[in-house]
Structure formats: structure tokens, C-alpha cells
Amino acid sequence: MKGVTRTALLLFALLFGVGGCRYTFWPLIPPEESYPERVSIGGELVEEEGRVIARLNVRRWPEPDYLELRWYAGEELVEELSIWVEEPGGVEATLPYEPGAYYRLLVIVAGRPVLQLDLGVPNLPPPPSAPDQEPAADSGS
């Protein structure tokens, strides 16, 4: 009788005591997934006689797709280009330009921005004055 009780107690401990430590997926070690290929692009903007040349270096490009270029003057969209790219390499585009203005090139792949290049200095609005400060009085001589 002692052997039956001990066996029943051991079976009870195994079934209910370790039951909370079960793995919730099968196989116990999931198969290793490969790291997804990502797009990698670098570039520069070069001023040349009333125009700008965007020189882009496509370093990683997983599959043939369009490279979208959006050229902004301030907040205004000036030009939009689509370039078909099949493999890594160099890409160039000529863009309109007026000296003294702020321009930015936004490079988009599959609907996601991947690079922004700026040319010039943006015109930022003046900071708002604090409501509790009075304007400085001119202290005349």
C-alpha cells in the first residue's frame, strides 16, 4: 500500500506540479529566420550653374523597385521624380534651383521615406514671446 501511495503521489506531483511549465509552441526551438534585407541609400546635393545634381549611392537594394524623389522649396513641392532601380549603384537626378532658398530632397522607397538631404538654411519663425514678459523699454539718455 505504501508503494501505491508513493507512486500516486509522485504521479500527482508530475502531472499538476510541473504542468505550468509546459512550452506553448512546437517545436521547442523555433526555426531561425533570416534577417530581412533593408534598403540603404546615401547621397549628396551638388550645386552647379542654376541647378542641383542629386548624387545618390544605393548601397543595399533587395529587389527591383522605384526610387521616388520629392524636391521641396521650403514647404512647396517643386518636382517629383520616379527612378527605376534594379541593383545597388549610383543614381543621379538634376533638379531646379534658385540660390538663397532652402531646399530639401526626400527619397522614398515603397511609400517610406529613407533619406532626406537639405540645401540651404531653413527660415524658422521667431520664437513666441512669453505672455508674462513686457517689451523692453528703451532707456534713453
Protein backbone atom coordinates (compact mmCIF):
# COMPACT_ATOMS: atom_id res chain seq x y z
CA MET A 1 0.00 0.00 0.00
CA LYS A 2 2.89 2.30 0.77
CA GLY A 3 4.28 1.76 -2.76
CA VAL A 4 0.93 2.58 -4.37
CA THR A 5 0.56 5.78 -2.32
CA ARG A 6 4.09 6.87 -3.10
CA THR A 7 3.58 6.17 -6.83
CA ALA A 8 0.25 8.01 -6.86
CA LEU A 9 1.80 10.96 -5.03
CA LEU A 10 4.71 11.08 -7.50
CA LEU A 11 2.33 10.90 -10.48
CA PHE A 12 0.18 13.65 -8.98
CA ALA A 13 3.27 15.89 -8.49
CA LEU A 14 4.43 15.31 -12.05
CA LEU A 15 1.05 15.98 -13.66
CA PHE A 16 -0.01 19.02 -11.67
CA GLY A 17 3.20 20.44 -10.24
CA VAL A 18 5.12 20.66 -13.50
CA GLY A 19 2.04 21.24 -15.66
CA GLY A 20 2.51 25.03 -15.58
CA CYS A 21 5.98 24.76 -17.10
CA ARG A 22 4.88 23.47 -20.49
CA TYR A 23 6.16 25.07 -23.67
CA THR A 24 3.47 26.90 -25.62
CA PHE A 25 4.91 26.32 -29.08
CA TRP A 26 6.20 23.43 -31.09
CA PRO A 27 8.97 22.74 -31.97
CA LEU A 28 10.65 23.68 -28.74
CA ILE A 29 13.24 25.80 -30.57
CA PRO A 30 11.69 27.77 -33.46
CA PRO A 31 13.50 27.72 -36.81
CA GLU A 32 15.96 30.56 -37.32
CA GLU A 33 14.67 33.32 -39.60
CA SER A 34 16.94 35.25 -41.91
CA TYR A 35 17.37 38.97 -41.25
CA PRO A 36 15.24 40.97 -43.70
CA GLU A 37 17.11 42.83 -46.41
CA ARG A 38 16.79 46.57 -45.99
CA VAL A 39 17.30 49.49 -48.31
CA SER A 40 20.40 51.58 -47.68
CA ILE A 41 20.93 54.84 -49.57
CA GLY A 42 23.36 57.71 -49.09
CA GLY A 43 23.83 60.82 -51.14
CA GLU A 44 24.72 64.45 -51.60
CA LEU A 45 23.40 67.57 -53.31
CA VAL A 46 25.85 69.43 -55.57
CA GLU A 47 25.14 72.98 -56.83
CA GLU A 48 26.00 73.58 -60.49
CA GLU A 49 25.11 76.67 -62.57
CA GLY A 50 21.50 77.28 -61.54
CA ARG A 51 20.67 73.65 -60.90
CA VAL A 52 21.32 70.96 -58.32
CA ILE A 53 22.53 67.47 -59.03
CA ALA A 54 21.39 64.83 -56.56
CA ARG A 55 24.00 62.07 -56.45
CA LEU A 56 22.63 59.04 -54.66
CA ASN A 57 24.58 55.92 -53.76
CA VAL A 58 22.29 52.89 -53.45
CA ARG A 59 24.26 50.57 -51.17
CA ARG A 60 21.67 47.86 -50.43
CA TRP A 61 18.67 47.19 -52.66
CA PRO A 62 16.82 43.89 -52.06
CA GLU A 63 14.67 43.80 -55.21
CA PRO A 64 13.91 45.95 -58.27
CA ASP A 65 11.61 48.85 -57.36
CA TYR A 66 11.03 52.56 -57.89
CA LEU A 67 13.01 55.18 -56.04
CA GLU A 68 10.82 58.28 -55.56
CA LEU A 69 12.42 61.72 -55.28
CA ARG A 70 10.46 64.70 -53.97
CA TRP A 71 12.14 68.11 -54.27
CA TYR A 72 10.78 70.83 -51.99
CA ALA A 73 11.47 74.58 -51.90
CA GLY A 74 10.55 75.42 -48.32
CA GLU A 75 7.26 73.57 -47.88
CA GLU A 76 6.25 73.68 -51.57
CA LEU A 77 6.68 70.57 -53.72
CA VAL A 78 8.64 71.71 -56.78
CA GLU A 79 9.37 68.46 -58.57
CA GLU A 80 8.65 64.76 -58.21
CA LEU A 81 10.62 62.03 -59.97
CA SER A 82 10.50 58.23 -60.05
CA ILE A 83 13.61 56.28 -60.97
CA TRP A 84 13.60 52.53 -61.60
CA VAL A 85 16.45 50.83 -59.71
CA GLU A 86 17.30 47.16 -60.20
CA GLU A 87 20.52 46.77 -58.20
CA PRO A 88 22.90 48.77 -56.00
CA GLY A 89 24.87 51.52 -57.70
CA GLY A 90 24.89 55.24 -58.43
CA VAL A 91 21.83 57.29 -59.36
CA GLU A 92 21.80 60.96 -60.45
CA ALA A 93 18.98 63.44 -60.92
CA THR A 94 19.03 67.11 -61.99
CA LEU A 95 16.75 69.43 -60.03
CA PRO A 96 15.79 73.13 -60.43
CA TYR A 97 17.36 75.57 -58.00
CA GLU A 98 17.43 79.26 -57.09
CA PRO A 99 20.33 80.36 -54.87
CA GLY A 100 19.47 81.63 -51.41
CA ALA A 101 16.38 79.48 -50.82
CA TYR A 102 16.03 76.43 -48.62
CA TYR A 103 15.55 73.14 -50.46
CA ARG A 104 15.20 69.55 -49.35
CA LEU A 105 15.16 66.28 -51.21
CA LEU A 106 13.05 63.47 -49.78
CA VAL A 107 13.91 59.97 -51.02
CA ILE A 108 11.06 57.46 -50.67
CA VAL A 109 11.05 53.70 -51.27
CA ALA A 110 7.83 51.64 -51.15
CA GLY A 111 5.94 54.55 -49.54
CA ARG A 112 8.50 55.05 -46.74
CA PRO A 113 10.99 57.91 -46.50
CA VAL A 114 14.55 56.58 -46.28
CA LEU A 115 16.69 59.71 -46.77
CA GLN A 116 16.41 63.49 -46.59
CA LEU A 117 19.06 65.83 -47.97
CA ASP A 118 18.96 69.58 -47.23
CA LEU A 119 20.40 72.50 -49.16
CA GLY A 120 20.44 75.97 -47.61
CA VAL A 121 19.21 77.11 -44.22
CA PRO A 122 15.52 76.86 -43.29
CA ASN A 123 13.70 80.05 -42.32
CA LEU A 124 12.42 79.33 -38.84
CA PRO A 125 9.67 81.50 -37.36
CA PRO A 126 10.70 83.77 -34.47
CA PRO A 127 10.13 82.26 -31.03
CA PRO A 128 6.91 83.40 -29.33
CA SER A 129 7.36 85.91 -26.53
CA ALA A 130 6.32 84.79 -23.08
CA PRO A 131 2.94 86.27 -22.04
CA ASP A 132 4.22 87.45 -18.64
CA GLN A 133 7.10 89.48 -20.12
CA GLU A 134 6.67 93.10 -21.06
CA PRO A 135 8.55 94.54 -24.01
CA ALA A 136 11.87 96.05 -23.01
CA ALA A 137 11.57 99.82 -22.51
CA ASP A 138 14.04 101.99 -24.35
CA SER A 139 16.20 103.69 -21.76
CA GLY A 140 17.08 106.99 -23.41
CA SER A 141 20.00 109.10 -22.20
